[in-house]
């Protein structure tokens, strides 16, 4: 439920007889009281205006039970209400898109709804929006004490006040922004990093993927042939072992999400959109290839030729999925958001974990090629 107030109130001064107009946008509703009753909690909302001539003017609404208007009251003291607002409780509009990313558009496209929200509700929306796009840099941002602290390689640091003002200053009240900033910074954190949903973070990862896939000097078939000739000089190097450990994490994350053949012939637990489903022979061969790659990478002396051979099939599997949206393998892979990178050696980036299984599969191709190049010292 939200509180609405429409129109203009006219209050007549008891002594002077002067009439004063109060406009609906002057009302700022806040919950001021509440109690548990037989049918659940009662919440009392109040809008208080401290008028220079009329003194305190109050409009009060009781919500009880939840979702129902119990009573409303206008109190202008000793003065007389000539005309009151049309005000009360009504159901919130239902939006087709509740994505926090589109909060500004919802505010701007629905001014009556926005105006009717209490400040506390606006603050809640703003805080949720901020945390959707920003995170504590301790989560994934590299740290180097000698360089002065966190290295904001994906963008930032971001200020809560600057971000909220830039996006919402023209659509919500100033005091709501300041209150949201205070809540966001209540734990003492003032510099924020981009989450994996932030446009700057997405751009960073897409650029990294594009850079990986731009290097088309070697196909998987060519890498397999090089490995067949006995070249694996990079195996055992520190960089290769670090990349191998990170690649094993990516494989585990992908296998957890890969659809499992069901007894009725359907898809397993994660129910991806039909156009991206791997099933039948494609799913079986993909699973077998992933198992073979994982087994080699987990061994002390990986067979680089086998990894390249199985990666070649995975590229065909990705091509089968990409063909469903009329895209090339490279274009499909570049549309997903991360690369193996040094960060993965510490913790698997959230940007990978957030991908659907076909995204993880596309990303995995780039990481496998990166490892093959290291293993073959190319």
Protein backbone atom coordinates (compact mmCIF):
# COMPACT_ATOMS: atom_id res chain seq x y z
CA UNK A 1 0.00 0.00 0.00
CA UNK A 2 1.07 3.60 -0.60
CA UNK A 3 -0.29 6.90 0.65
CA UNK A 4 -1.81 9.26 -1.91
CA UNK A 5 -2.66 12.94 -1.48
CA UNK A 6 -4.16 14.94 -4.34
CA UNK A 7 -5.39 18.46 -4.72
CA UNK A 8 -5.00 21.52 -2.50
CA UNK A 9 -6.08 22.10 1.10
CA UNK A 10 -7.43 25.50 2.14
CA UNK A 11 -7.22 26.44 5.81
CA UNK A 12 -8.91 29.53 7.27
CA UNK A 13 -7.16 31.31 10.15
CA UNK A 14 -9.45 31.50 13.19
CA UNK A 15 -8.67 35.13 14.12
CA UNK A 16 -7.82 36.88 10.86
CA UNK A 17 -10.09 34.89 8.55
CA UNK A 18 -7.24 34.72 6.04
CA UNK A 19 -7.27 31.60 3.88
CA UNK A 20 -4.03 29.73 3.24
CA UNK A 21 -3.42 27.13 0.54
CA UNK A 22 -1.43 23.98 1.32
CA UNK A 23 -0.25 21.98 -1.71
CA UNK A 24 -0.05 18.21 -1.86
CA UNK A 25 3.65 18.19 -2.66
CA UNK A 26 4.30 19.80 0.74
CA UNK A 27 3.18 16.64 2.55
CA UNK A 28 5.94 14.31 3.70
CA UNK A 29 4.45 11.12 5.13
CA UNK A 30 6.32 9.16 7.77
CA UNK A 31 5.38 6.24 10.03
CA UNK A 32 5.12 7.72 13.54
CA UNK A 33 3.45 5.03 15.63
CA UNK A 34 2.20 1.45 15.57
CA UNK A 35 1.07 -1.45 17.67
CA UNK A 36 0.17 -5.13 17.40
CA UNK A 37 -3.54 -5.76 17.45
CA UNK A 38 -5.86 -8.73 16.97
CA UNK A 39 -5.57 -8.79 13.17
CA UNK A 40 -1.88 -7.91 13.00
CA UNK A 41 0.14 -4.71 13.25
CA UNK A 42 -1.34 -1.23 12.97
CA UNK A 43 0.85 1.50 11.45
CA UNK A 44 0.14 5.21 11.91
CA UNK A 45 1.42 7.57 9.21
CA UNK A 46 1.59 11.32 9.65
CA UNK A 47 2.38 14.33 7.50
CA UNK A 48 3.31 17.38 9.60
CA UNK A 49 3.57 20.91 8.25
CA UNK A 50 4.91 23.65 10.52
CA UNK A 51 3.16 26.69 9.05
CA UNK A 52 4.39 30.20 9.87
CA UNK A 53 0.87 31.56 10.42
CA UNK A 54 -1.22 28.49 11.25
CA UNK A 55 1.20 26.54 13.43
CA UNK A 56 1.33 22.74 13.27
CA UNK A 57 -0.96 21.10 10.71
CA UNK A 58 -1.29 17.30 10.77
CA UNK A 59 -2.75 14.71 8.43
CA UNK A 60 -2.89 11.19 9.88
CA UNK A 61 -3.70 7.78 8.35
CA UNK A 62 -4.01 4.43 10.11
CA UNK A 63 -3.24 1.21 8.22
CA UNK A 64 -4.95 -1.72 9.95
CA UNK A 65 -4.97 -4.55 9.20
CA UNK A 66 -2.05 -4.55 6.76
CA UNK A 67 -3.21 -3.39 3.35
CA UNK A 68 -6.36 -1.65 4.60
CA UNK A 69 -7.15 1.93 5.54
CA UNK A 70 -8.57 2.04 9.07
CA UNK A 71 -9.13 5.78 9.56
CA UNK A 72 -7.73 9.16 8.56
CA UNK A 73 -7.80 12.48 10.35
CA UNK A 74 -6.96 16.10 9.59
CA UNK A 75 -5.94 18.27 12.55
CA UNK A 76 -5.40 21.99 11.97
CA UNK A 77 -5.79 23.03 15.59
CA UNK A 78 -8.13 25.96 16.21
CA UNK A 79 -8.38 26.85 12.53
CA UNK A 80 -11.03 25.75 10.01
CA UNK A 81 -10.63 23.39 7.06
CA UNK A 82 -12.34 25.02 4.09
CA UNK A 83 -11.13 22.39 1.63
CA UNK A 84 -9.08 19.27 2.32
CA UNK A 85 -6.89 17.02 0.23
CA UNK A 86 -8.19 13.83 -1.30
CA UNK A 87 -5.90 11.48 0.61
CA UNK A 88 -5.69 7.94 1.92
CA UNK A 89 -4.19 4.50 1.16
CA UNK A 90 -4.21 2.74 -2.19
CA UNK A 91 -2.49 -0.27 -3.72
CA UNK A 92 0.87 0.26 -5.35
CA UNK A 93 0.89 -0.02 -9.13
CA UNK A 94 2.20 -3.31 -10.51
CA UNK A 95 5.23 -2.86 -12.72
CA UNK A 96 6.20 -5.35 -15.41
CA UNK A 97 9.83 -4.68 -14.61
CA UNK A 98 10.97 -4.57 -10.97
CA UNK A 99 14.68 -4.64 -11.86
CA UNK A 100 16.60 -2.26 -9.53
CA UNK A 101 18.57 -1.14 -12.58
CA UNK A 102 15.45 0.60 -13.91
CA UNK A 103 14.49 2.37 -10.70
CA UNK A 104 15.14 5.85 -12.11
CA UNK A 105 12.83 5.15 -15.07
CA UNK A 106 10.09 3.93 -12.71
CA UNK A 107 10.39 7.06 -10.59
CA UNK A 108 10.42 9.36 -13.60
CA UNK A 109 7.63 7.64 -15.55
CA UNK A 110 5.28 7.40 -12.55
CA UNK A 111 5.41 10.78 -10.78
CA UNK A 112 2.15 10.23 -8.89
CA UNK A 113 3.41 6.94 -7.48
CA UNK A 114 6.78 8.48 -6.65
CA UNK A 115 5.19 11.43 -4.88
CA UNK A 116 2.93 9.12 -2.88
CA UNK A 117 5.82 7.07 -1.45
CA UNK A 118 6.88 7.83 2.10
CA UNK A 119 10.42 9.09 2.52
CA UNK A 120 11.37 5.86 4.29
CA UNK A 121 10.21 3.85 1.26
CA UNK A 122 12.11 6.07 -1.18
CA UNK A 123 15.22 5.66 0.98
CA UNK A 124 14.82 1.87 0.93
CA UNK A 125 14.59 1.91 -2.88
CA UNK A 126 17.68 4.13 -3.18
CA UNK A 127 19.75 2.00 -0.80
CA UNK A 128 18.80 -1.21 -2.65
CA UNK A 129 19.65 0.42 -5.99
CA UNK A 130 23.07 1.51 -4.73
CA UNK A 131 23.98 -1.92 -3.38
CA UNK A 132 22.79 -3.53 -6.64
CA UNK A 133 25.49 -1.64 -8.57
CA UNK A 134 28.19 -1.13 -5.92
CA UNK A 135 30.01 -3.28 -3.40
CA UNK A 136 32.67 -3.25 -0.72
CA UNK A 137 36.05 -3.20 -2.51
CA UNK A 138 37.18 -5.94 -0.10
CA UNK A 139 35.04 -8.39 -2.11
CA UNK A 140 37.06 -8.53 -5.33
CA UNK A 141 39.10 -5.35 -5.82
CA UNK A 142 42.89 -5.97 -5.85
CA UNK A 143 44.80 -4.47 -2.92
CA UNK A 144 48.36 -3.22 -2.87
CA UNK A 145 49.52 -1.45 0.26
CA UNK A 146 52.61 -0.12 -1.46
CA UNK A 147 50.44 1.54 -4.10
CA UNK A 148 48.20 3.18 -1.52
CA UNK A 149 45.48 0.59 -1.02
CA UNK A 150 42.80 -0.76 -3.32
CA UNK A 151 43.40 -0.72 -7.08
CA UNK A 152 40.07 0.14 -8.68
CA UNK A 153 40.84 -1.52 -12.00
CA UNK A 154 37.14 -1.93 -12.92
CA UNK A 155 36.12 1.62 -12.03
CA UNK A 156 35.71 3.78 -8.98
CA UNK A 157 36.04 4.52 -6.20
CA UNK A 158 32.41 5.65 -6.11
CA UNK A 159 30.79 8.01 -3.62
CA UNK A 160 27.25 7.17 -2.49
CA UNK A 161 26.17 10.80 -2.53
CA UNK A 162 27.63 11.49 -5.98
CA UNK A 163 26.07 8.36 -7.47
CA UNK A 164 22.62 9.00 -5.97
CA UNK A 165 22.63 12.68 -6.93
CA UNK A 166 23.72 11.93 -10.48
CA UNK A 167 20.93 9.40 -10.98
CA UNK A 168 18.04 10.61 -8.80
CA UNK A 169 18.46 14.28 -7.87
CA UNK A 170 15.77 15.40 -10.30
CA UNK A 171 13.19 12.74 -9.38
CA UNK A 172 13.23 12.31 -5.57
CA UNK A 173 13.47 14.77 -2.65
CA UNK A 174 16.84 15.98 -1.43
CA UNK A 175 16.26 14.74 2.12
CA UNK A 176 15.60 11.18 0.85
CA UNK A 177 18.96 11.18 -0.95
CA UNK A 178 20.80 12.44 2.14
CA UNK A 179 19.10 9.88 4.37
CA UNK A 180 19.97 7.08 1.92
CA UNK A 181 23.60 8.24 1.85
CA UNK A 182 23.69 8.20 5.66
CA UNK A 183 22.35 4.63 5.74
CA UNK A 184 24.74 3.41 3.03
CA UNK A 185 27.72 4.88 4.88
CA UNK A 186 26.54 3.83 8.34
CA UNK A 187 29.23 1.11 8.57
CA UNK A 188 31.99 3.61 7.89
CA UNK A 189 32.61 2.69 4.25
CA UNK A 190 32.85 5.73 1.95
CA UNK A 191 34.68 4.43 -1.14
CA UNK A 192 32.85 1.78 -3.16
CA UNK A 193 33.78 -0.56 -6.01
CA UNK A 194 31.51 -1.56 -8.90
CA UNK A 195 29.57 -4.81 -8.53
CA UNK A 196 29.53 -7.22 -11.47
CA UNK A 197 26.27 -5.53 -12.58
CA UNK A 198 27.78 -2.04 -12.84
CA UNK A 199 28.26 -0.78 -16.44
CA UNK A 200 31.93 0.02 -15.73
CA UNK A 201 32.55 -3.50 -14.45
CA UNK A 202 30.77 -5.06 -17.45
CA UNK A 203 32.84 -2.92 -19.83
CA UNK A 204 36.04 -3.98 -18.07
CA UNK A 205 35.29 -7.68 -18.37
CA UNK A 206 34.05 -7.43 -21.94
CA UNK A 207 37.24 -5.61 -22.94
CA UNK A 208 39.27 -8.36 -21.28
CA UNK A 209 37.35 -11.08 -23.12
CA UNK A 210 37.64 -9.22 -26.41
CA UNK A 211 41.38 -9.01 -25.89
CA UNK A 212 41.59 -12.76 -25.22
CA UNK A 213 39.56 -13.72 -28.26
CA UNK A 214 41.25 -11.17 -30.52
CA UNK A 215 44.34 -13.37 -30.36
CA UNK A 216 43.43 -15.82 -33.12
CA UNK A 217 47.01 -16.84 -33.88
CA UNK A 218 46.26 -20.40 -32.83
CA UNK A 219 43.17 -22.51 -33.16
CA UNK A 220 42.57 -25.39 -30.74
CA UNK A 221 43.43 -27.79 -33.55
CA UNK A 222 46.77 -26.02 -34.08
CA UNK A 223 47.48 -26.05 -30.36
CA UNK A 224 46.71 -29.77 -30.30
CA UNK A 225 49.21 -30.37 -33.11
CA UNK A 226 51.90 -28.38 -31.31
CA UNK A 227 51.26 -30.41 -28.16
CA UNK A 228 51.40 -33.64 -30.17
CA UNK A 229 54.92 -32.72 -31.23
CA UNK A 230 55.94 -32.80 -27.61
CA UNK A 231 56.09 -29.11 -26.81
CA UNK A 232 54.94 -28.40 -23.26
CA UNK A 233 57.77 -26.29 -21.90
CA UNK A 234 55.44 -24.10 -19.86
CA UNK A 235 54.11 -26.89 -17.64
CA UNK A 236 55.11 -26.46 -14.03
CA UNK A 237 55.83 -22.74 -14.27
CA UNK A 238 54.27 -20.69 -11.48
CA UNK A 239 52.00 -18.76 -13.85
CA UNK A 240 50.80 -21.98 -15.50
CA UNK A 241 50.03 -23.63 -12.15
CA UNK A 242 48.12 -20.56 -10.95
CA UNK A 243 46.08 -20.46 -14.15
CA UNK A 244 45.45 -24.22 -13.93
CA UNK A 245 44.07 -23.92 -10.38
CA UNK A 246 41.78 -21.07 -11.40
CA UNK A 247 40.61 -22.99 -14.47
CA UNK A 248 39.69 -25.97 -12.29
CA UNK A 249 37.49 -23.61 -10.24
CA UNK A 250 35.76 -22.44 -13.40
CA UNK A 251 35.19 -26.04 -14.47
CA UNK A 252 33.63 -26.90 -11.12
CA UNK A 253 31.30 -23.89 -11.29
CA UNK A 254 30.23 -24.84 -14.81
CA UNK A 255 29.65 -28.52 -14.00
CA UNK A 256 27.47 -27.58 -11.04
CA UNK A 257 25.17 -25.68 -13.39
CA UNK A 258 25.26 -27.94 -16.43
CA UNK A 259 21.83 -29.49 -17.08
CA UNK A 260 21.59 -33.16 -16.18
CA UNK A 261 19.74 -35.60 -18.45
CA UNK A 262 16.45 -36.43 -16.75
CA UNK A 263 14.72 -39.80 -16.90
CA UNK A 264 11.83 -38.22 -18.82
CA UNK A 265 14.22 -36.75 -21.34
CA UNK A 266 13.88 -33.18 -20.08
CA UNK A 267 16.33 -30.70 -18.67
CA UNK A 268 17.67 -30.64 -15.16
CA UNK A 269 17.37 -28.25 -12.29
CA UNK A 270 18.22 -24.88 -13.76
CA UNK A 271 15.69 -24.74 -16.63
CA UNK A 272 17.46 -22.41 -19.08
CA UNK A 273 15.58 -20.80 -21.96
CA UNK A 274 14.76 -23.44 -24.56
CA UNK A 275 16.83 -21.84 -27.32
CA UNK A 276 20.06 -22.31 -25.33
CA UNK A 277 19.54 -25.86 -24.14
CA UNK A 278 22.21 -28.46 -24.65
CA UNK A 279 20.70 -31.92 -24.72
CA UNK A 280 21.10 -35.34 -26.25
CA UNK A 281 24.45 -36.01 -27.88
CA UNK A 282 25.65 -32.41 -27.49
CA UNK A 283 25.09 -32.49 -23.73
CA UNK A 284 26.69 -35.93 -23.35
CA UNK A 285 29.79 -35.03 -25.36
CA UNK A 286 30.11 -31.67 -23.59
CA UNK A 287 29.98 -33.42 -20.22
CA UNK A 288 32.54 -36.00 -21.29
CA UNK A 289 34.86 -33.31 -22.64
CA UNK A 290 34.63 -31.31 -19.43
CA UNK A 291 35.35 -34.43 -17.38
CA UNK A 292 38.39 -35.22 -19.51
CA UNK A 293 39.76 -31.67 -19.26
CA UNK A 294 39.19 -31.63 -15.50
CA UNK A 295 40.96 -34.97 -15.06
CA UNK A 296 44.01 -33.76 -16.97
CA UNK A 297 44.22 -30.43 -15.16
CA UNK A 298 43.93 -32.19 -11.79
CA UNK A 299 46.86 -34.49 -12.58
CA UNK A 300 50.48 -33.69 -11.81
CA UNK A 301 51.41 -33.90 -15.49
CA UNK A 302 48.46 -32.79 -17.64
CA UNK A 303 48.28 -34.14 -21.19
CA UNK A 304 48.13 -30.85 -23.09
CA UNK A 305 47.15 -32.59 -26.33
CA UNK A 306 44.03 -34.10 -24.71
CA UNK A 307 43.00 -30.73 -23.27
CA UNK A 308 43.34 -29.07 -26.69
CA UNK A 309 41.40 -31.90 -28.36
CA UNK A 310 38.50 -31.68 -25.88
CA UNK A 311 38.52 -27.88 -26.05
CA UNK A 312 38.07 -28.16 -29.79
CA UNK A 313 34.82 -30.03 -29.21
CA UNK A 314 33.67 -27.50 -26.62
CA UNK A 315 34.12 -24.79 -29.23
CA UNK A 316 31.76 -26.74 -31.49
CA UNK A 317 29.26 -27.04 -28.65
CA UNK A 318 29.41 -23.28 -28.06
CA UNK A 319 28.97 -22.80 -31.79
CA UNK A 320 25.84 -24.93 -31.68
CA UNK A 321 24.42 -22.72 -28.90
CA UNK A 322 25.55 -19.49 -30.56
CA UNK A 323 23.92 -20.54 -33.81
CA UNK A 324 20.56 -20.44 -32.04
CA UNK A 325 20.87 -16.65 -31.91
CA UNK A 326 22.62 -16.33 -35.26
CA UNK A 327 25.99 -15.38 -33.74
CA UNK A 328 29.54 -16.52 -34.36
CA UNK A 329 31.39 -18.38 -31.61
CA UNK A 330 33.68 -15.42 -30.95
CA UNK A 331 30.83 -12.91 -30.84
CA UNK A 332 28.91 -15.17 -28.47
CA UNK A 333 31.91 -15.62 -26.19
CA UNK A 334 32.66 -11.90 -26.12
CA UNK A 335 29.12 -11.19 -24.95
CA UNK A 336 29.92 -12.72 -21.57
CA UNK A 337 31.58 -10.91 -18.79
CA UNK A 338 34.99 -12.06 -17.56
CA UNK A 339 38.31 -13.70 -18.27
CA UNK A 340 40.54 -16.00 -16.23
CA UNK A 341 42.76 -13.21 -14.95
CA UNK A 342 44.90 -12.96 -11.87
CA UNK A 343 41.89 -12.29 -9.64
CA UNK A 344 40.60 -15.81 -10.25
CA UNK A 345 43.71 -17.21 -8.60
CA UNK A 346 42.41 -15.83 -5.30
CA UNK A 347 38.66 -16.26 -5.65
CA UNK A 348 36.40 -17.03 -8.54
CA UNK A 349 34.95 -13.67 -9.66
CA UNK A 350 31.24 -13.13 -8.99
CA UNK A 351 30.86 -12.16 -12.63
CA UNK A 352 31.55 -15.79 -13.56
CA UNK A 353 29.36 -17.26 -10.83
CA UNK A 354 26.46 -15.04 -11.92
CA UNK A 355 26.49 -16.38 -15.48
CA UNK A 356 24.06 -19.06 -16.71
CA UNK A 357 25.74 -22.32 -17.70
CA UNK A 358 26.08 -21.42 -21.38
CA UNK A 359 27.83 -18.18 -20.31
CA UNK A 360 30.22 -20.13 -18.12
CA UNK A 361 30.89 -22.47 -21.06
CA UNK A 362 31.65 -19.55 -23.38
CA UNK A 363 33.97 -17.96 -20.82
CA UNK A 364 35.68 -21.30 -20.21
CA UNK A 365 36.85 -21.46 -23.82
CA UNK A 366 38.90 -18.31 -23.42
CA UNK A 367 40.37 -19.53 -20.16
CA UNK A 368 41.31 -22.93 -21.64
CA UNK A 369 43.07 -21.24 -24.55
CA UNK A 370 44.92 -18.97 -22.14
CA UNK A 371 46.10 -22.00 -20.16
CA UNK A 372 47.13 -23.89 -23.32
CA UNK A 373 49.27 -20.96 -24.44
CA UNK A 374 50.96 -20.92 -21.02
CA UNK A 375 51.45 -24.69 -20.97
CA UNK A 376 52.97 -24.67 -24.46
CA UNK A 377 55.09 -21.56 -23.66
CA UNK A 378 53.69 -19.73 -26.68
